[in-house]
Amino acid sequence: MTNSLFEPDPEDTKAVKELHMSPALKLVLEMGPLVVFFFANYKGEWLIKHVGLFQGFEKPIFPATAIFMVAIVIALVASWIIARKLPIMPLISGVFVLIFGALTLWLHNDTFIKMKPTIINTLFGLILFGGLAFNKSLLGYVLDSAFQLDDEGWKILTRRWAWFFIFLAVLNELVWRNFSNDFWTTFKVFGVMPITIIFMIAQMPIVMKHATSPIGVKQTKLDE
């Protein structure tokens, strides 16, 4: 196994197998902090009234942000303990959460945490476009894909995902600027994920067309 601190290229099947982390556990560690953020925001008023640490805040989103930051760190530490590797995209997103979360709590301005998805999705989109400019598909680090595609397939899929991240950035701007904090928080957890799943399903014809091996074969090997 490589001595790198970060997760291996998903195309390096041997290194991926050595991570000893199931896709389900990986999903829990990546989505868990968002779910915690939602419930902390839901119980924000109670937290402000009953938890001394949060009594200086005036909106539920502030204690939720603080708890979100802790949950992000716990998820990254858990990933390291289990796999001895740090997932690239959750790490980048986590850094932004900590930076923008700290600004949110320090300045008592929730604009910073609400703009984080806009900035991070834009960054992901630009990274993918930048990779294409250098004839390099970086999509595997975003999807942690369990399938193999030919070069044309990766380019098509990478371009589509790059535009999708830009779409999510614009959508986040529209939602947080026009709706309440509670609506934005709910949308962030229970809106973005279904939209992403629908988008992923819509890409399956391209995946099937450009797969260089049967889709289930590589996954089976990874799960052995």
Protein backbone atom coordinates (compact mmCIF):
# COMPACT_ATOMS: atom_id res chain seq x y z
CA MET A 1 0.00 0.00 0.00
CA THR A 2 1.19 3.49 -0.75
CA ASN A 3 2.31 5.64 2.19
CA SER A 4 0.24 8.61 1.03
CA LEU A 5 -2.05 10.22 3.60
CA PHE A 6 -4.86 10.38 1.06
CA GLU A 7 -7.14 7.82 -0.52
CA PRO A 8 -5.71 6.14 -3.64
CA ASP A 9 -6.79 6.73 -7.21
CA PRO A 10 -9.97 4.63 -7.61
CA GLU A 11 -8.41 3.08 -10.71
CA ASP A 12 -5.71 1.54 -8.47
CA THR A 13 -7.87 -1.46 -7.59
CA LYS A 14 -5.22 -3.10 -5.40
CA ALA A 15 -4.84 -0.02 -3.20
CA VAL A 16 -8.61 0.47 -3.01
CA LYS A 17 -9.09 -3.13 -1.83
CA GLU A 18 -6.55 -2.55 0.95
CA LEU A 19 -8.56 0.33 2.42
CA HIS A 20 -10.92 -2.08 4.20
CA MET A 21 -13.83 0.36 4.14
CA SER A 22 -17.17 -0.65 2.68
CA PRO A 23 -19.02 1.77 0.37
CA ALA A 24 -21.87 1.88 2.92
CA LEU A 25 -19.56 2.94 5.75
CA LYS A 26 -17.89 5.50 3.48
CA LEU A 27 -21.33 6.96 2.67
CA VAL A 28 -22.26 7.11 6.37
CA LEU A 29 -19.06 8.97 7.22
CA GLU A 30 -19.58 11.44 4.36
CA MET A 31 -23.33 12.02 4.88
CA GLY A 32 -23.43 11.67 8.67
CA PRO A 33 -22.27 15.23 9.46
CA LEU A 34 -24.97 16.66 7.17
CA VAL A 35 -27.67 14.67 8.96
CA VAL A 36 -26.27 15.84 12.30
CA PHE A 37 -26.37 19.42 10.99
CA PHE A 38 -30.04 19.05 10.04
CA PHE A 39 -31.13 17.69 13.43
CA ALA A 40 -29.00 20.20 15.33
CA ASN A 41 -30.69 23.01 13.40
CA TYR A 42 -34.09 21.42 14.08
CA LYS A 43 -33.33 21.42 17.83
CA GLY A 44 -31.44 24.72 17.69
CA GLU A 45 -33.87 26.67 19.85
CA TRP A 46 -33.67 23.99 22.54
CA LEU A 47 -29.88 23.99 22.38
CA ILE A 48 -29.74 27.77 22.79
CA LYS A 49 -32.03 27.63 25.83
CA HIS A 50 -30.53 24.62 27.60
CA VAL A 51 -26.86 24.40 26.64
CA GLY A 52 -24.71 27.11 28.20
CA LEU A 53 -22.16 27.02 25.40
CA PHE A 54 -24.80 28.13 22.90
CA GLN A 55 -26.74 30.68 24.94
CA GLY A 56 -25.00 33.61 23.29
CA PHE A 57 -26.45 32.73 19.90
CA GLU A 58 -29.71 34.08 18.53
CA LYS A 59 -30.43 31.66 15.66
CA PRO A 60 -30.62 27.82 15.57
CA ILE A 61 -28.20 27.73 12.64
CA PHE A 62 -25.33 28.89 14.90
CA PRO A 63 -25.28 25.95 17.35
CA ALA A 64 -26.00 23.69 14.38
CA THR A 65 -22.92 25.07 12.64
CA ALA A 66 -20.74 24.44 15.70
CA ILE A 67 -21.98 20.86 15.97
CA PHE A 68 -21.55 20.40 12.21
CA MET A 69 -17.90 21.39 12.51
CA VAL A 70 -17.32 18.86 15.30
CA ALA A 71 -19.12 16.15 13.31
CA ILE A 72 -16.92 16.84 10.26
CA VAL A 73 -13.77 16.42 12.32
CA ILE A 74 -15.09 13.21 13.92
CA ALA A 75 -15.95 11.77 10.48
CA LEU A 76 -12.49 12.56 9.10
CA VAL A 77 -10.78 11.10 12.18
CA ALA A 78 -12.94 7.97 11.89
CA SER A 79 -11.97 7.62 8.23
CA TRP A 80 -8.32 7.85 9.21
CA ILE A 81 -8.65 5.31 12.04
CA ILE A 82 -10.48 2.81 9.83
CA ALA A 83 -8.58 3.15 6.56
CA ARG A 84 -5.42 5.06 7.51
CA LYS A 85 -6.29 7.34 4.62
CA LEU A 86 -8.13 10.65 4.27
CA PRO A 87 -10.84 10.95 1.58
CA ILE A 88 -9.91 13.77 -0.78
CA MET A 89 -13.23 15.51 -1.47
CA PRO A 90 -14.67 15.20 2.08
CA LEU A 91 -11.36 16.60 3.36
CA ILE A 92 -11.56 19.60 1.02
CA SER A 93 -15.20 20.15 1.93
CA GLY A 94 -14.36 19.75 5.61
CA VAL A 95 -11.67 22.41 5.46
CA PHE A 96 -14.20 24.82 3.95
CA VAL A 97 -16.75 23.90 6.63
CA LEU A 98 -14.25 24.68 9.38
CA ILE A 99 -13.17 27.97 7.80
CA PHE A 100 -16.64 29.23 6.96
CA GLY A 101 -18.11 27.78 10.15
CA ALA A 102 -15.53 29.64 12.25
CA LEU A 103 -16.36 32.88 10.42
CA THR A 104 -20.07 32.23 10.96
CA LEU A 105 -19.65 31.77 14.71
CA TRP A 106 -17.08 34.52 15.18
CA LEU A 107 -19.03 37.20 13.30
CA HIS A 108 -22.49 35.81 14.16
CA ASN A 109 -23.28 35.94 10.44
CA ASP A 110 -24.85 32.84 8.91
CA THR A 111 -24.11 34.04 5.37
CA PHE A 112 -20.71 32.37 5.49
CA ILE A 113 -21.92 28.83 6.20
CA LYS A 114 -24.74 29.19 3.65
CA MET A 115 -22.29 30.24 0.95
CA LYS A 116 -19.99 27.28 1.63
CA PRO A 117 -21.87 24.87 -0.72
CA THR A 118 -21.77 27.51 -3.46
CA ILE A 119 -18.03 27.88 -3.18
CA ILE A 120 -17.19 24.20 -2.73
CA ASN A 121 -19.41 23.04 -5.62
CA THR A 122 -17.96 25.74 -7.85
CA LEU A 123 -14.49 24.62 -6.82
CA PHE A 124 -15.28 20.97 -7.61
CA GLY A 125 -16.68 21.96 -11.00
CA LEU A 126 -13.62 24.06 -11.84
CA ILE A 127 -11.29 21.25 -10.69
CA LEU A 128 -13.01 18.82 -13.06
CA PHE A 129 -12.91 21.31 -15.93
CA GLY A 130 -9.27 22.02 -15.12
CA GLY A 131 -8.45 18.32 -15.22
CA LEU A 132 -10.06 18.03 -18.64
CA ALA A 133 -7.98 20.96 -19.87
CA PHE A 134 -4.90 18.87 -19.06
CA ASN A 135 -6.49 15.72 -20.49
CA LYS A 136 -6.86 14.21 -17.01
CA SER A 137 -10.11 12.89 -15.53
CA LEU A 138 -10.32 13.59 -11.81
CA LEU A 139 -13.87 12.27 -11.52
CA GLY A 140 -12.83 9.11 -9.71
CA TYR A 141 -11.97 11.12 -6.60
CA VAL A 142 -15.46 12.63 -6.62
CA LEU A 143 -17.43 9.46 -7.27
CA ASP A 144 -15.03 6.86 -5.87
CA SER A 145 -16.23 4.91 -8.89
CA ALA A 146 -16.38 1.13 -8.96
CA PHE A 147 -16.40 0.82 -12.75
CA GLN A 148 -13.98 1.24 -15.61
CA LEU A 149 -14.66 3.45 -18.63
CA ASP A 150 -12.78 4.21 -21.81
CA ASP A 151 -11.20 7.64 -22.26
CA GLU A 152 -14.16 9.08 -24.16
CA GLY A 153 -16.58 7.88 -21.49
CA TRP A 154 -14.57 9.45 -18.69
CA LYS A 155 -14.37 12.75 -20.56
CA ILE A 156 -18.11 12.84 -21.20
CA LEU A 157 -18.96 11.88 -17.62
CA THR A 158 -16.43 14.30 -16.16
CA ARG A 159 -17.79 17.17 -18.25
CA ARG A 160 -21.36 16.40 -17.17
CA TRP A 161 -20.41 16.21 -13.50
CA ALA A 162 -18.48 19.47 -13.75
CA TRP A 163 -21.59 21.21 -15.07
CA PHE A 164 -23.69 19.47 -12.42
CA PHE A 165 -21.51 20.88 -9.64
CA ILE A 166 -21.90 24.35 -11.14
CA PHE A 167 -25.67 23.76 -11.24
CA LEU A 168 -25.65 22.83 -7.52
CA ALA A 169 -23.70 26.00 -6.75
CA VAL A 170 -26.27 28.17 -8.55
CA LEU A 171 -29.15 26.25 -6.95
CA ASN A 172 -27.70 26.78 -3.48
CA GLU A 173 -27.49 30.51 -4.13
CA LEU A 174 -31.13 30.62 -5.22
CA VAL A 175 -32.33 28.67 -2.18
CA TRP A 176 -30.44 30.41 0.62
CA ARG A 177 -31.09 33.88 -0.77
CA ASN A 178 -34.85 33.36 -1.20
CA PHE A 179 -35.93 31.00 1.60
CA SER A 180 -35.64 30.62 5.36
CA ASN A 181 -32.71 29.05 7.19
CA ASP A 182 -34.83 26.02 8.10
CA PHE A 183 -35.83 25.48 4.47
CA TRP A 184 -32.21 25.84 3.32
CA THR A 185 -30.99 23.35 5.93
CA THR A 186 -33.66 20.82 4.97
CA PHE A 187 -32.92 21.30 1.29
CA LYS A 188 -29.19 20.90 1.89
CA VAL A 189 -29.74 17.46 3.44
CA PHE A 190 -32.90 16.09 1.83
CA GLY A 191 -32.98 18.01 -1.45
CA VAL A 192 -29.46 17.85 -2.82
CA MET A 193 -29.08 14.10 -2.28
CA PRO A 194 -32.22 13.05 -4.27
CA ILE A 195 -31.25 15.45 -7.05
CA THR A 196 -27.76 13.93 -7.12
CA ILE A 197 -29.13 10.37 -7.17
CA ILE A 198 -31.45 11.23 -10.07
CA PHE A 199 -28.53 12.77 -11.94
CA MET A 200 -26.38 9.69 -11.31
CA ILE A 201 -29.09 7.37 -12.59
CA ALA A 202 -29.44 9.53 -15.69
CA GLN A 203 -25.74 8.93 -16.45
CA MET A 204 -26.04 5.14 -16.51
CA PRO A 205 -26.57 4.94 -20.31
CA ILE A 206 -23.17 6.63 -20.80
CA VAL A 207 -21.60 4.37 -18.18
CA MET A 208 -23.00 1.25 -19.85
CA LYS A 209 -21.99 2.41 -23.32
CA HIS A 210 -18.38 3.21 -22.43
CA ALA A 211 -17.68 0.55 -19.78
CA THR A 212 -14.53 -1.43 -20.58
CA SER A 213 -15.63 -4.32 -18.36
CA PRO A 214 -19.01 -5.49 -16.98
CA ILE A 215 -20.16 -3.02 -14.34
CA GLY A 216 -20.59 -5.59 -11.60
CA VAL A 217 -17.22 -7.27 -12.13
CA LYS A 218 -14.99 -4.61 -10.63
CA GLN A 219 -17.34 -4.05 -7.71
CA THR A 220 -17.32 -7.77 -6.94
CA LYS A 221 -13.53 -7.78 -6.87
CA LEU A 222 -13.44 -4.79 -4.58
CA ASP A 223 -15.86 -6.43 -2.15
CA GLU A 224 -13.93 -9.71 -1.90
